[in-house]
N, C-alpha and C. Protein backbone atom coordinates (compact mmCIF):
# COMPACT_ATOMS: atom_id res chain seq x y z
N MET A 1 0.81 -1.18 0.00
CA MET A 1 0.00 0.00 0.00
C MET A 1 0.87 1.26 0.00
N ASN A 2 2.00 1.22 -0.64
CA ASN A 2 2.93 2.33 -0.62
C ASN A 2 2.50 3.50 -1.49
N ASN A 3 1.76 3.25 -2.57
CA ASN A 3 1.40 4.31 -3.49
C ASN A 3 0.00 4.85 -3.26
N ILE A 4 -0.55 4.68 -2.09
CA ILE A 4 -1.90 5.11 -1.79
C ILE A 4 -1.87 6.51 -1.19
N ASN A 5 -2.84 7.33 -1.58
CA ASN A 5 -2.99 8.67 -1.04
C ASN A 5 -3.17 8.57 0.47
N LYS A 6 -2.36 9.29 1.23
CA LYS A 6 -2.39 9.19 2.68
C LYS A 6 -3.53 9.99 3.30
N ASP A 7 -4.22 10.84 2.54
CA ASP A 7 -5.32 11.63 3.08
C ASP A 7 -6.57 10.79 3.26
N SER A 8 -6.78 9.83 2.36
CA SER A 8 -7.96 8.98 2.48
C SER A 8 -7.64 7.61 1.90
N LEU A 9 -8.31 6.62 2.44
CA LEU A 9 -8.10 5.25 2.02
C LEU A 9 -9.47 4.62 1.81
N THR A 10 -9.77 4.25 0.58
CA THR A 10 -11.07 3.68 0.27
C THR A 10 -10.96 2.17 0.11
N ARG A 11 -12.12 1.53 0.09
CA ARG A 11 -12.14 0.07 -0.12
C ARG A 11 -11.53 -0.29 -1.46
N SER A 12 -11.78 0.53 -2.48
CA SER A 12 -11.22 0.22 -3.80
C SER A 12 -9.70 0.36 -3.80
N ASP A 13 -9.15 1.30 -2.99
CA ASP A 13 -7.69 1.40 -2.85
C ASP A 13 -7.13 0.12 -2.23
N ILE A 14 -7.80 -0.34 -1.18
CA ILE A 14 -7.36 -1.57 -0.51
C ILE A 14 -7.48 -2.76 -1.46
N GLU A 15 -8.59 -2.81 -2.17
CA GLU A 15 -8.81 -3.90 -3.13
C GLU A 15 -7.71 -3.92 -4.19
N ARG A 16 -7.40 -2.76 -4.75
CA ARG A 16 -6.34 -2.66 -5.78
C ARG A 16 -4.99 -3.12 -5.24
N SER A 17 -4.69 -2.65 -4.03
CA SER A 17 -3.41 -3.00 -3.41
C SER A 17 -3.31 -4.51 -3.14
N LEU A 18 -4.40 -5.10 -2.64
CA LEU A 18 -4.39 -6.54 -2.38
C LEU A 18 -4.33 -7.35 -3.67
N LYS A 19 -4.95 -6.85 -4.74
CA LYS A 19 -4.91 -7.55 -6.03
C LYS A 19 -3.48 -7.59 -6.57
N LYS A 20 -2.73 -6.49 -6.37
CA LYS A 20 -1.32 -6.46 -6.80
C LYS A 20 -0.49 -7.43 -5.96
N GLU A 21 -0.78 -7.44 -4.65
CA GLU A 21 -0.02 -8.27 -3.71
C GLU A 21 -0.33 -9.76 -3.86
N PHE A 22 -1.60 -10.08 -4.15
CA PHE A 22 -2.05 -11.46 -4.26
C PHE A 22 -2.82 -11.66 -5.57
N PRO A 23 -2.14 -11.71 -6.70
CA PRO A 23 -2.83 -11.80 -8.00
C PRO A 23 -3.64 -13.09 -8.18
N GLU A 24 -3.36 -14.11 -7.37
CA GLU A 24 -4.08 -15.38 -7.51
C GLU A 24 -5.49 -15.33 -6.93
N LEU A 25 -5.79 -14.31 -6.12
CA LEU A 25 -7.12 -14.19 -5.52
C LEU A 25 -8.08 -13.51 -6.50
N THR A 26 -9.34 -13.94 -6.45
CA THR A 26 -10.36 -13.31 -7.29
C THR A 26 -10.87 -12.05 -6.62
N LYS A 27 -11.55 -11.21 -7.39
CA LYS A 27 -12.10 -9.98 -6.85
C LYS A 27 -13.10 -10.28 -5.74
N SER A 28 -13.93 -11.29 -5.91
CA SER A 28 -14.92 -11.62 -4.88
C SER A 28 -14.26 -12.11 -3.60
N GLN A 29 -13.15 -12.85 -3.70
CA GLN A 29 -12.43 -13.30 -2.52
C GLN A 29 -11.84 -12.10 -1.76
N ILE A 30 -11.29 -11.16 -2.50
CA ILE A 30 -10.70 -9.97 -1.89
C ILE A 30 -11.78 -9.14 -1.21
N LEU A 31 -12.91 -8.94 -1.89
CA LEU A 31 -14.01 -8.16 -1.32
C LEU A 31 -14.57 -8.82 -0.06
N LEU A 32 -14.68 -10.15 -0.07
CA LEU A 32 -15.15 -10.88 1.10
C LEU A 32 -14.18 -10.71 2.27
N ALA A 33 -12.89 -10.78 1.98
CA ALA A 33 -11.88 -10.61 3.03
C ALA A 33 -11.95 -9.21 3.64
N ILE A 34 -12.05 -8.19 2.79
CA ILE A 34 -12.14 -6.81 3.27
C ILE A 34 -13.39 -6.63 4.13
N GLU A 35 -14.52 -7.11 3.65
CA GLU A 35 -15.79 -6.97 4.38
C GLU A 35 -15.71 -7.69 5.73
N THR A 36 -15.12 -8.88 5.75
CA THR A 36 -15.00 -9.65 6.99
C THR A 36 -14.14 -8.91 8.01
N ILE A 37 -13.03 -8.34 7.56
CA ILE A 37 -12.13 -7.61 8.46
C ILE A 37 -12.81 -6.37 9.01
N ILE A 38 -13.46 -5.60 8.15
CA ILE A 38 -14.14 -4.37 8.59
C ILE A 38 -15.27 -4.71 9.57
N GLU A 39 -16.01 -5.75 9.28
CA GLU A 39 -17.11 -6.17 10.16
C GLU A 39 -16.57 -6.61 11.53
N SER A 40 -15.46 -7.33 11.52
CA SER A 40 -14.86 -7.80 12.77
C SER A 40 -14.36 -6.62 13.61
N ILE A 41 -13.73 -5.65 12.97
CA ILE A 41 -13.26 -4.45 13.68
C ILE A 41 -14.44 -3.70 14.27
N SER A 42 -15.49 -3.51 13.47
CA SER A 42 -16.69 -2.78 13.93
C SER A 42 -17.33 -3.46 15.13
N GLU A 43 -17.47 -4.78 15.08
CA GLU A 43 -18.08 -5.52 16.19
C GLU A 43 -17.25 -5.40 17.46
N SER A 44 -15.93 -5.50 17.33
CA SER A 44 -15.05 -5.41 18.49
C SER A 44 -15.12 -4.02 19.13
N VAL A 45 -15.08 -2.98 18.31
CA VAL A 45 -15.14 -1.62 18.83
C VAL A 45 -16.50 -1.37 19.48
N ALA A 46 -17.57 -1.90 18.91
CA ALA A 46 -18.90 -1.75 19.50
C ALA A 46 -18.97 -2.38 20.89
N LEU A 47 -18.16 -3.41 21.13
CA LEU A 47 -18.11 -4.07 22.44
C LEU A 47 -17.06 -3.45 23.35
N ASP A 48 -16.67 -2.20 23.05
CA ASP A 48 -15.70 -1.42 23.83
C ASP A 48 -14.29 -2.01 23.83
N GLU A 49 -13.96 -2.79 22.82
CA GLU A 49 -12.61 -3.31 22.70
C GLU A 49 -11.80 -2.38 21.81
N ARG A 50 -10.52 -2.30 22.06
CA ARG A 50 -9.61 -1.51 21.24
C ARG A 50 -8.94 -2.46 20.27
N VAL A 51 -8.92 -2.11 18.97
CA VAL A 51 -8.33 -2.97 17.95
C VAL A 51 -7.07 -2.30 17.43
N GLU A 52 -5.95 -3.00 17.50
CA GLU A 52 -4.69 -2.47 17.01
C GLU A 52 -4.20 -3.34 15.86
N ILE A 53 -3.90 -2.71 14.75
CA ILE A 53 -3.30 -3.39 13.61
C ILE A 53 -1.89 -2.84 13.48
N ARG A 54 -0.91 -3.66 13.82
CA ARG A 54 0.49 -3.23 13.84
C ARG A 54 0.90 -2.66 12.49
N GLY A 55 1.54 -1.50 12.54
CA GLY A 55 2.01 -0.86 11.33
C GLY A 55 0.93 -0.08 10.58
N PHE A 56 -0.30 -0.10 11.09
CA PHE A 56 -1.41 0.60 10.43
C PHE A 56 -2.06 1.61 11.36
N GLY A 57 -2.59 1.15 12.49
CA GLY A 57 -3.22 2.07 13.43
C GLY A 57 -4.13 1.36 14.41
N THR A 58 -4.82 2.15 15.23
CA THR A 58 -5.73 1.59 16.22
C THR A 58 -7.13 2.15 16.04
N PHE A 59 -8.10 1.31 16.31
CA PHE A 59 -9.52 1.68 16.27
C PHE A 59 -10.04 1.60 17.70
N SER A 60 -10.81 2.60 18.11
CA SER A 60 -11.39 2.57 19.44
C SER A 60 -12.73 3.31 19.41
N LYS A 61 -13.47 3.16 20.49
CA LYS A 61 -14.78 3.80 20.62
C LYS A 61 -14.58 5.14 21.31
N LYS A 62 -15.17 6.18 20.75
CA LYS A 62 -15.08 7.51 21.35
C LYS A 62 -16.49 7.96 21.71
N LEU A 63 -16.68 8.33 22.97
CA LEU A 63 -17.99 8.79 23.43
C LEU A 63 -18.11 10.30 23.21
N ILE A 64 -19.26 10.72 22.73
CA ILE A 64 -19.54 12.13 22.52
C ILE A 64 -20.55 12.55 23.58
N ARG A 65 -20.21 13.56 24.33
CA ARG A 65 -21.02 13.97 25.47
C ARG A 65 -22.43 14.37 25.04
N PRO A 66 -23.38 14.26 25.96
CA PRO A 66 -24.75 14.72 25.66
C PRO A 66 -24.73 16.23 25.41
N ARG A 67 -25.61 16.70 24.55
CA ARG A 67 -25.62 18.13 24.24
C ARG A 67 -27.03 18.56 23.83
N LYS A 68 -27.21 19.86 23.85
CA LYS A 68 -28.50 20.39 23.40
C LYS A 68 -28.29 21.11 22.07
N PHE A 69 -29.34 21.19 21.31
CA PHE A 69 -29.27 21.95 20.07
C PHE A 69 -30.57 22.70 19.88
N ILE A 70 -30.49 23.78 19.12
CA ILE A 70 -31.65 24.62 18.85
C ILE A 70 -31.94 24.57 17.36
N ASN A 71 -33.17 24.19 17.04
CA ASN A 71 -33.60 24.18 15.65
C ASN A 71 -33.67 25.64 15.19
N PRO A 72 -32.85 26.02 14.18
CA PRO A 72 -32.82 27.43 13.78
C PRO A 72 -34.14 27.94 13.20
N LYS A 73 -34.92 27.05 12.63
CA LYS A 73 -36.18 27.47 12.02
C LYS A 73 -37.28 27.67 13.06
N SER A 74 -37.47 26.67 13.94
CA SER A 74 -38.56 26.72 14.91
C SER A 74 -38.13 27.24 16.28
N LYS A 75 -36.85 27.34 16.51
CA LYS A 75 -36.27 27.78 17.79
C LYS A 75 -36.56 26.81 18.93
N ASN A 76 -36.97 25.59 18.60
CA ASN A 76 -37.20 24.57 19.63
C ASN A 76 -35.86 24.05 20.15
N VAL A 77 -35.78 23.87 21.44
CA VAL A 77 -34.57 23.32 22.06
C VAL A 77 -34.78 21.83 22.24
N SER A 78 -33.83 21.05 21.78
CA SER A 78 -33.87 19.59 21.93
C SER A 78 -32.55 19.12 22.51
N TYR A 79 -32.56 17.91 22.99
CA TYR A 79 -31.36 17.34 23.60
C TYR A 79 -31.00 16.02 22.92
N ILE A 80 -29.72 15.84 22.72
CA ILE A 80 -29.19 14.59 22.16
C ILE A 80 -28.44 13.90 23.29
N GLY A 81 -28.75 12.65 23.52
CA GLY A 81 -28.05 11.89 24.55
C GLY A 81 -26.62 11.57 24.13
N GLU A 82 -25.92 10.92 25.00
CA GLU A 82 -24.54 10.53 24.71
C GLU A 82 -24.53 9.57 23.51
N THR A 83 -23.63 9.82 22.59
CA THR A 83 -23.48 8.96 21.42
C THR A 83 -22.05 8.46 21.34
N ALA A 84 -21.83 7.46 20.52
CA ALA A 84 -20.50 6.91 20.36
C ALA A 84 -20.14 6.87 18.88
N THR A 85 -18.86 7.01 18.60
CA THR A 85 -18.37 6.93 17.23
C THR A 85 -17.06 6.15 17.24
N MET A 86 -16.67 5.67 16.07
CA MET A 86 -15.42 4.94 15.97
C MET A 86 -14.30 5.95 15.72
N HIS A 87 -13.21 5.80 16.46
CA HIS A 87 -12.05 6.67 16.33
C HIS A 87 -10.89 5.87 15.77
N PHE A 88 -10.19 6.43 14.79
CA PHE A 88 -9.02 5.77 14.22
C PHE A 88 -7.81 6.65 14.42
N LYS A 89 -6.74 6.06 14.95
CA LYS A 89 -5.48 6.78 15.11
C LYS A 89 -4.41 6.03 14.32
N PRO A 90 -3.93 6.64 13.22
CA PRO A 90 -2.92 5.96 12.41
C PRO A 90 -1.57 5.91 13.11
N PHE A 91 -0.78 4.91 12.78
CA PHE A 91 0.57 4.84 13.30
C PHE A 91 1.40 5.93 12.65
N LYS A 92 2.44 6.35 13.32
CA LYS A 92 3.29 7.44 12.83
C LYS A 92 3.87 7.15 11.45
N SER A 93 4.09 5.89 11.13
CA SER A 93 4.68 5.55 9.84
C SER A 93 3.72 5.87 8.69
N LEU A 94 2.43 6.01 8.96
CA LEU A 94 1.46 6.35 7.92
C LEU A 94 1.31 7.85 7.73
N LEU A 95 1.80 8.63 8.66
CA LEU A 95 1.62 10.09 8.58
C LEU A 95 2.62 10.75 7.69
């Protein structure tokens, strides 16, 4: 994955890189592998586990505090409870 744009990494970038690395695999096998890995990472992070991929980065769950917002049109005040999002921190070698 040396020639990939470091600002963003898409599934098609990963697919292309894996196809170069493993030409014997079919496109469907590569897509299945990518989907399985992403699903596994998502499930682990949802269970509050931290996932580290050496040489790539870490995935973790980040909690966003509860907050209020005002609808600009109606001026109604509403509240959003605490939410969670996935956080990714790349290793220094990727920066």
